[in-house]
Amino acid sequence: ECAPAGALAEIDVPPGVRRNAPVFRTLDKKL
């Protein structure tokens, strides 16, 4: 349910995302 900082997490991604794309969090569920 939760992956800590430093982990290598695997997730589903939408079409068109490529290797080395920067990722930003836009919504923090816990917050």
PDB file of all heavy atoms in Angstrom:
ATOM      1  N   GLU A   1       0.828  -1.206   0.000  1.00  0.00           N
ATOM      2  CA  GLU A   1       0.000   0.000   0.000  1.00  0.00           C
ATOM      3  C   GLU A   1       0.861   1.255   0.000  1.00  0.00           C
ATOM      4  O   GLU A   1       0.435   2.308  -0.449  1.00  0.00           O
ATOM      5  CB  GLU A   1      -0.925   0.015   1.229  1.00  0.00           C
ATOM      6  CG  GLU A   1      -2.097  -0.933   1.131  1.00  0.00           C
ATOM      7  CD  GLU A   1      -3.052  -0.559  -0.004  1.00  0.00           C
ATOM      8  OE1 GLU A   1      -3.439   0.623  -0.106  1.00  0.00           O
ATOM      9  OE2 GLU A   1      -3.383  -1.449  -0.810  1.00  0.00           O
ATOM     10  N   CYS A   2       2.088   1.106   0.521  1.00  0.00           N
ATOM     11  CA  CYS A   2       2.973   2.269   0.637  1.00  0.00           C
ATOM     12  C   CYS A   2       4.412   1.829   0.344  1.00  0.00           C
ATOM     13  O   CYS A   2       4.871   0.798   0.853  1.00  0.00           O
ATOM     14  CB  CYS A   2       2.863   2.859   2.047  1.00  0.00           C
ATOM     15  SG  CYS A   2       4.006   4.212   2.364  1.00  0.00           S
ATOM     16  N   ALA A   3       5.110   2.615  -0.495  1.00  0.00           N
ATOM     17  CA  ALA A   3       6.517   2.334  -0.818  1.00  0.00           C
ATOM     18  C   ALA A   3       7.381   3.443  -0.238  1.00  0.00           C
ATOM     19  O   ALA A   3       7.095   4.626  -0.451  1.00  0.00           O
ATOM     20  CB  ALA A   3       6.705   2.248  -2.325  1.00  0.00           C
ATOM     21  N   PRO A   4       8.445   3.114   0.498  1.00  0.00           N
ATOM     22  CA  PRO A   4       9.264   4.141   1.147  1.00  0.00           C
ATOM     23  C   PRO A   4      10.206   4.835   0.168  1.00  0.00           C
ATOM     24  O   PRO A   4      10.469   4.346  -0.942  1.00  0.00           O
ATOM     25  CB  PRO A   4      10.058   3.337   2.180  1.00  0.00           C
ATOM     26  CG  PRO A   4      10.178   1.980   1.563  1.00  0.00           C
ATOM     27  CD  PRO A   4       8.902   1.750   0.813  1.00  0.00           C
ATOM     28  N   ALA A   5      10.734   5.991   0.582  1.00  0.00           N
ATOM     29  CA  ALA A   5      11.738   6.703  -0.215  1.00  0.00           C
ATOM     30  C   ALA A   5      12.938   5.793  -0.440  1.00  0.00           C
ATOM     31  O   ALA A   5      13.349   5.038   0.443  1.00  0.00           O
ATOM     32  CB  ALA A   5      12.166   7.972   0.507  1.00  0.00           C
ATOM     33  N   GLY A   6      13.499   5.819  -1.656  1.00  0.00           N
ATOM     34  CA  GLY A   6      14.649   4.991  -2.006  1.00  0.00           C
ATOM     35  C   GLY A   6      14.271   3.683  -2.656  1.00  0.00           C
ATOM     36  O   GLY A   6      15.116   3.016  -3.248  1.00  0.00           O
ATOM     37  N   ALA A   7      12.992   3.291  -2.549  1.00  0.00           N
ATOM     38  CA  ALA A   7      12.565   2.011  -3.123  1.00  0.00           C
ATOM     39  C   ALA A   7      12.408   2.124  -4.635  1.00  0.00           C
ATOM     40  O   ALA A   7      12.233   3.205  -5.196  1.00  0.00           O
ATOM     41  CB  ALA A   7      11.239   1.578  -2.492  1.00  0.00           C
ATOM     42  N   LEU A   8      12.460   0.982  -5.312  1.00  0.00           N
ATOM     43  CA  LEU A   8      12.157   0.905  -6.741  1.00  0.00           C
ATOM     44  C   LEU A   8      10.752   0.335  -6.849  1.00  0.00           C
ATOM     45  O   LEU A   8      10.543  -0.862  -6.658  1.00  0.00           O
ATOM     46  CB  LEU A   8      13.170   0.000  -7.461  1.00  0.00           C
ATOM     47  CG  LEU A   8      13.113   0.026  -8.996  1.00  0.00           C
ATOM     48  CD1 LEU A   8      13.476   1.396  -9.538  1.00  0.00           C
ATOM     49  CD2 LEU A   8      14.047  -1.037  -9.573  1.00  0.00           C
ATOM     50  N   ALA A   9       9.790   1.213  -7.113  1.00  0.00           N
ATOM     51  CA  ALA A   9       8.381   0.802  -7.113  1.00  0.00           C
ATOM     52  C   ALA A   9       7.879   0.620  -8.537  1.00  0.00           C
ATOM     53  O   ALA A   9       8.179   1.425  -9.419  1.00  0.00           O
ATOM     54  CB  ALA A   9       7.539   1.854  -6.399  1.00  0.00           C
ATOM     55  N   GLU A  10       7.090  -0.423  -8.738  1.00  0.00           N
ATOM     56  CA  GLU A  10       6.527  -0.688 -10.060  1.00  0.00           C
ATOM     57  C   GLU A  10       5.046  -0.330 -10.048  1.00  0.00           C
ATOM     58  O   GLU A  10       4.295  -0.721  -9.146  1.00  0.00           O
ATOM     59  CB  GLU A  10       6.707  -2.163 -10.420  1.00  0.00           C
ATOM     60  CG  GLU A  10       6.352  -2.475 -11.879  1.00  0.00           C
ATOM     61  CD  GLU A  10       6.621  -3.927 -12.226  1.00  0.00           C
ATOM     62  OE1 GLU A  10       7.637  -4.471 -11.749  1.00  0.00           O
ATOM     63  OE2 GLU A  10       5.794  -4.501 -12.968  1.00  0.00           O
ATOM     64  N   ILE A  11       4.600   0.456 -11.060  1.00  0.00           N
ATOM     65  CA  ILE A  11       3.201   0.882 -11.142  1.00  0.00           C
ATOM     66  C   ILE A  11       2.719   0.789 -12.588  1.00  0.00           C
ATOM     67  O   ILE A  11       3.507   0.674 -13.511  1.00  0.00           O
ATOM     68  CB  ILE A  11       3.005   2.340 -10.645  1.00  0.00           C
ATOM     69  CG1 ILE A  11       3.716   3.324 -11.595  1.00  0.00           C
ATOM     70  CG2 ILE A  11       3.495   2.521  -9.222  1.00  0.00           C
ATOM     71  CD1 ILE A  11       3.298   4.770 -11.383  1.00  0.00           C
ATOM     72  N   ASP A  12       1.382   0.870 -12.759  1.00  0.00           N
ATOM     73  CA  ASP A  12       0.792   0.987 -14.092  1.00  0.00           C
ATOM     74  C   ASP A  12       0.956   2.429 -14.561  1.00  0.00           C
ATOM     75  O   ASP A  12       0.790   3.372 -13.778  1.00  0.00           O
ATOM     76  CB  ASP A  12      -0.700   0.639 -14.059  1.00  0.00           C
ATOM     77  CG  ASP A  12      -0.938  -0.821 -13.740  1.00  0.00           C
ATOM     78  OD1 ASP A  12      -0.181  -1.667 -14.241  1.00  0.00           O
ATOM     79  OD2 ASP A  12      -1.871  -1.117 -12.959  1.00  0.00           O
ATOM     80  N   VAL A  13       1.287   2.623 -15.854  1.00  0.00           N
ATOM     81  CA  VAL A  13       1.458   3.979 -16.389  1.00  0.00           C
ATOM     82  C   VAL A  13       0.618   4.149 -17.653  1.00  0.00           C
ATOM     83  O   VAL A  13       0.318   3.166 -18.340  1.00  0.00           O
ATOM     84  CB  VAL A  13       2.942   4.274 -16.715  1.00  0.00           C
ATOM     85  CG1 VAL A  13       3.766   4.316 -15.447  1.00  0.00           C
ATOM     86  CG2 VAL A  13       3.507   3.264 -17.707  1.00  0.00           C
ATOM     87  N   PRO A  14       0.229   5.389 -17.973  1.00  0.00           N
ATOM     88  CA  PRO A  14      -0.566   5.627 -19.186  1.00  0.00           C
ATOM     89  C   PRO A  14       0.294   5.492 -20.431  1.00  0.00           C
ATOM     90  O   PRO A  14       1.527   5.520 -20.352  1.00  0.00           O
ATOM     91  CB  PRO A  14      -1.052   7.065 -18.996  1.00  0.00           C
ATOM     92  CG  PRO A  14      -0.068   7.691 -18.076  1.00  0.00           C
ATOM     93  CD  PRO A  14       0.425   6.604 -17.177  1.00  0.00           C
ATOM     94  N   PRO A  15      -0.318   5.394 -21.607  1.00  0.00           N
ATOM     95  CA  PRO A  15       0.447   5.280 -22.861  1.00  0.00           C
ATOM     96  C   PRO A  15       1.309   6.511 -23.103  1.00  0.00           C
ATOM     97  O   PRO A  15       0.954   7.624 -22.705  1.00  0.00           O
ATOM     98  CB  PRO A  15      -0.647   5.167 -23.937  1.00  0.00           C
ATOM     99  CG  PRO A  15      -1.873   4.747 -23.206  1.00  0.00           C
ATOM    100  CD  PRO A  15      -1.768   5.304 -21.830  1.00  0.00           C
ATOM    101  N   GLY A  16       2.440   6.300 -23.760  1.00  0.00           N
ATOM    102  CA  GLY A  16       3.294   7.417 -24.154  1.00  0.00           C
ATOM    103  C   GLY A  16       4.406   7.746 -23.189  1.00  0.00           C
ATOM    104  O   GLY A  16       5.292   8.538 -23.508  1.00  0.00           O
ATOM    105  N   VAL A  17       4.399   7.172 -21.975  1.00  0.00           N
ATOM    106  CA  VAL A  17       5.458   7.458 -21.005  1.00  0.00           C
ATOM    107  C   VAL A  17       6.719   6.681 -21.394  1.00  0.00           C
ATOM    108  O   VAL A  17       6.650   5.481 -21.690  1.00  0.00           O
ATOM    109  CB  VAL A  17       5.010   7.073 -19.578  1.00  0.00           C
ATOM    110  CG1 VAL A  17       6.153   7.248 -18.590  1.00  0.00           C
ATOM    111  CG2 VAL A  17       3.823   7.925 -19.164  1.00  0.00           C
ATOM    112  N   ARG A  18       7.852   7.367 -21.379  1.00  0.00           N
ATOM    113  CA  ARG A  18       9.101   6.736 -21.814  1.00  0.00           C
ATOM    114  C   ARG A  18      10.112   6.668 -20.681  1.00  0.00           C
ATOM    115  O   ARG A  18       9.959   7.312 -19.641  1.00  0.00           O
ATOM    116  CB  ARG A  18       9.691   7.530 -22.992  1.00  0.00           C
ATOM    117  CG  ARG A  18       8.791   7.531 -24.213  1.00  0.00           C
ATOM    118  CD  ARG A  18       9.414   8.320 -25.343  1.00  0.00           C
ATOM    119  NE  ARG A  18       8.531   8.398 -26.497  1.00  0.00           N
ATOM    120  CZ  ARG A  18       8.791   9.096 -27.582  1.00  0.00           C
ATOM    121  NH1 ARG A  18       9.926   9.789 -27.665  1.00  0.00           N
ATOM    122  NH2 ARG A  18       7.939   9.122 -28.587  1.00  0.00           N
ATOM    123  N   ARG A  19      11.146   5.935 -20.935  1.00  0.00           N
ATOM    124  CA  ARG A  19      12.227   5.742 -19.969  1.00  0.00           C
ATOM    125  C   ARG A  19      12.832   7.098 -19.591  1.00  0.00           C
ATOM    126  O   ARG A  19      12.970   8.001 -20.398  1.00  0.00           O
ATOM    127  CB  ARG A  19      13.290   4.853 -20.605  1.00  0.00           C
ATOM    128  CG  ARG A  19      14.417   4.443 -19.675  1.00  0.00           C
ATOM    129  CD  ARG A  19      15.417   3.583 -20.466  1.00  0.00           C
ATOM    130  NE  ARG A  19      16.498   3.132 -19.622  1.00  0.00           N
ATOM    131  CZ  ARG A  19      16.479   2.022 -18.910  1.00  0.00           C
ATOM    132  NH1 ARG A  19      15.412   1.251 -18.942  1.00  0.00           N
ATOM    133  NH2 ARG A  19      17.509   1.656 -18.168  1.00  0.00           N
ATOM    134  N   ASN A  20      13.198   7.238 -18.309  1.00  0.00           N
ATOM    135  CA  ASN A  20      13.872   8.422 -17.744  1.00  0.00           C
ATOM    136  C   ASN A  20      12.994   9.665 -17.674  1.00  0.00           C
ATOM    137  O   ASN A  20      13.494  10.774 -17.481  1.00  0.00           O
ATOM    138  CB  ASN A  20      15.155   8.758 -18.516  1.00  0.00           C
ATOM    139  CG  ASN A  20      16.194   7.659 -18.413  1.00  0.00           C
ATOM    140  OD1 ASN A  20      16.308   7.021 -17.352  1.00  0.00           O
ATOM    141  ND2 ASN A  20      16.911   7.412 -19.488  1.00  0.00           N
ATOM    142  N   ALA A  21      11.668   9.513 -17.817  1.00  0.00           N
ATOM    143  CA  ALA A  21      10.777  10.679 -17.670  1.00  0.00           C
ATOM    144  C   ALA A  21      10.720  11.088 -16.199  1.00  0.00           C
ATOM    145  O   ALA A  21      10.527  10.239 -15.322  1.00  0.00           O
ATOM    146  CB  ALA A  21       9.374  10.331 -18.160  1.00  0.00           C
ATOM    147  N   PRO A  22      10.896  12.383 -15.881  1.00  0.00           N
ATOM    148  CA  PRO A  22      10.729  12.832 -14.492  1.00  0.00           C
ATOM    149  C   PRO A  22       9.280  12.641 -14.033  1.00  0.00           C
ATOM    150  O   PRO A  22       8.349  12.802 -14.826  1.00  0.00           O
ATOM    151  CB  PRO A  22      11.083  14.328 -14.552  1.00  0.00           C
ATOM    152  CG  PRO A  22      11.815  14.507 -15.839  1.00  0.00           C
ATOM    153  CD  PRO A  22      11.270  13.480 -16.773  1.00  0.00           C
ATOM    154  N   VAL A  23       9.111  12.278 -12.753  1.00  0.00           N
ATOM    155  CA  VAL A  23       7.776  12.012 -12.209  1.00  0.00           C
ATOM    156  C   VAL A  23       7.532  12.928 -11.005  1.00  0.00           C
ATOM    157  O   VAL A  23       8.376  13.009 -10.106  1.00  0.00           O
ATOM    158  CB  VAL A  23       7.623  10.540 -11.772  1.00  0.00           C
ATOM    159  CG1 VAL A  23       6.180  10.238 -11.413  1.00  0.00           C
ATOM    160  CG2 VAL A  23       8.120   9.596 -12.844  1.00  0.00           C
ATOM    161  N   PHE A  24       6.377  13.594 -11.012  1.00  0.00           N
ATOM    162  CA  PHE A  24       6.013  14.482  -9.903  1.00  0.00           C
ATOM    163  C   PHE A  24       4.709  14.010  -9.280  1.00  0.00           C
ATOM    164  O   PHE A  24       3.811  13.542  -9.976  1.00  0.00           O
ATOM    165  CB  PHE A  24       5.851  15.925 -10.399  1.00  0.00           C
ATOM    166  CG  PHE A  24       7.124  16.533 -10.901  1.00  0.00           C
ATOM    167  CD1 PHE A  24       7.493  16.399 -12.234  1.00  0.00           C
ATOM    168  CD2 PHE A  24       7.955  17.231 -10.039  1.00  0.00           C
ATOM    169  CE1 PHE A  24       8.679  16.948 -12.705  1.00  0.00           C
ATOM    170  CE2 PHE A  24       9.135  17.786 -10.500  1.00  0.00           C
ATOM    171  CZ  PHE A  24       9.497  17.643 -11.833  1.00  0.00           C
ATOM    172  N   ARG A  25       4.619  14.167  -7.965  1.00  0.00           N
ATOM    173  CA  ARG A  25       3.358  13.850  -7.293  1.00  0.00           C
ATOM    174  C   ARG A  25       2.451  15.069  -7.369  1.00  0.00           C
ATOM    175  O   ARG A  25       2.833  16.168  -6.989  1.00  0.00           O
ATOM    176  CB  ARG A  25       3.602  13.463  -5.837  1.00  0.00           C
ATOM    177  CG  ARG A  25       2.282  13.199  -5.091  1.00  0.00           C
ATOM    178  CD  ARG A  25       2.434  12.382  -3.839  1.00  0.00           C
ATOM    179  NE  ARG A  25       3.514  12.869  -2.998  1.00  0.00           N
ATOM    180  CZ  ARG A  25       4.149  12.132  -2.090  1.00  0.00           C
ATOM    181  NH1 ARG A  25       3.831  10.875  -1.937  1.00  0.00           N
ATOM    182  NH2 ARG A  25       5.104  12.651  -1.354  1.00  0.00           N
ATOM    183  N   THR A  26       1.230  14.882  -7.860  1.00  0.00           N
ATOM    184  CA  THR A  26       0.270  15.982  -7.976  1.00  0.00           C
ATOM    185  C   THR A  26      -0.830  15.897  -6.927  1.00  0.00           C
ATOM    186  O   THR A  26      -1.555  16.863  -6.725  1.00  0.00           O
ATOM    187  CB  THR A  26      -0.381  15.975  -9.367  1.00  0.00           C
ATOM    188  OG1 THR A  26      -0.971  14.681  -9.603  1.00  0.00           O
ATOM    189  CG2 THR A  26       0.648  16.267 -10.450  1.00  0.00           C
ATOM    190  N   LEU A  27      -0.977  14.736  -6.261  1.00  0.00           N
ATOM    191  CA  LEU A  27      -1.967  14.598  -5.185  1.00  0.00           C
ATOM    192  C   LEU A  27      -1.423  13.641  -4.145  1.00  0.00           C
ATOM    193  O   LEU A  27      -1.001  12.526  -4.479  1.00  0.00           O
ATOM    194  CB  LEU A  27      -3.302  14.082  -5.743  1.00  0.00           C
ATOM    195  CG  LEU A  27      -4.440  14.005  -4.713  1.00  0.00           C
ATOM    196  CD1 LEU A  27      -5.753  14.446  -5.334  1.00  0.00           C
ATOM    197  CD2 LEU A  27      -4.588  12.594  -4.133  1.00  0.00           C
ATOM    198  N   ASP A  28      -1.399  14.102  -2.887  1.00  0.00           N
ATOM    199  CA  ASP A  28      -0.913  13.296  -1.769  1.00  0.00           C
ATOM    200  C   ASP A  28      -2.127  12.776  -1.003  1.00  0.00           C
ATOM    201  O   ASP A  28      -2.792  13.531  -0.290  1.00  0.00           O
ATOM    202  CB  ASP A  28      -0.022  14.160  -0.871  1.00  0.00           C
ATOM    203  CG  ASP A  28       0.685  13.344   0.201  1.00  0.00           C
ATOM    204  OD1 ASP A  28       0.065  12.389   0.711  1.00  0.00           O
ATOM    205  OD2 ASP A  28       1.828  13.681   0.550  1.00  0.00           O
ATOM    206  N   LYS A  29      -2.441  11.500  -1.157  1.00  0.00           N
ATOM    207  CA  LYS A  29      -3.641  10.941  -0.550  1.00  0.00           C
ATOM    208  C   LYS A  29      -3.614  11.076   0.980  1.00  0.00           C
ATOM    209  O   LYS A  29      -4.611  11.444   1.601  1.00  0.00           O
ATOM    210  CB  LYS A  29      -3.775   9.468  -0.937  1.00  0.00           C
ATOM    211  CG  LYS A  29      -5.036   8.812  -0.388  1.00  0.00           C
ATOM    212  CD  LYS A  29      -5.079   7.327  -0.700  1.00  0.00           C
ATOM    213  CE  LYS A  29      -6.318   6.686  -0.081  1.00  0.00           C
ATOM    214  NZ  LYS A  29      -6.316   5.217  -0.271  1.00  0.00           N
ATOM    215  N   LYS A  30      -2.462  10.795   1.581  1.00  0.00           N
ATOM    216  CA  LYS A  30      -2.356  10.877   3.036  1.00  0.00           C
ATOM    217  C   LYS A  30      -2.605  12.300   3.532  1.00  0.00           C
ATOM    218  O   LYS A  30      -3.316  12.525   4.518  1.00  0.00           O
ATOM    219  CB  LYS A  30      -0.964  10.402   3.473  1.00  0.00           C
ATOM    220  CG  LYS A  30      -0.755  10.385   4.976  1.00  0.00           C
ATOM    221  CD  LYS A  30       0.652   9.887   5.303  1.00  0.00           C
ATOM    222  CE  LYS A  30       0.893   9.894   6.823  1.00  0.00           C
ATOM    223  NZ  LYS A  30       2.263   9.455   7.144  1.00  0.00           N
ATOM    224  N   LEU A  31      -2.028  13.263   2.829  1.00  0.00           N
ATOM    225  CA  LEU A  31      -2.208  14.663   3.214  1.00  0.00           C
ATOM    226  C   LEU A  31      -3.665  15.089   3.066  1.00  0.00           C
ATOM    227  O   LEU A  31      -4.212  15.800   3.918  1.00  0.00           O
ATOM    228  CB  LEU A  31      -1.306  15.549   2.357  1.00  0.00           C
ATOM    229  CG  LEU A  31      -1.330  17.048   2.658  1.00  0.00           C
ATOM    230  CD1 LEU A  31      -0.851  17.334   4.076  1.00  0.00           C
ATOM    231  CD2 LEU A  31      -0.475  17.800   1.652  1.00  0.00           C
TER     232      LEU A  31
END
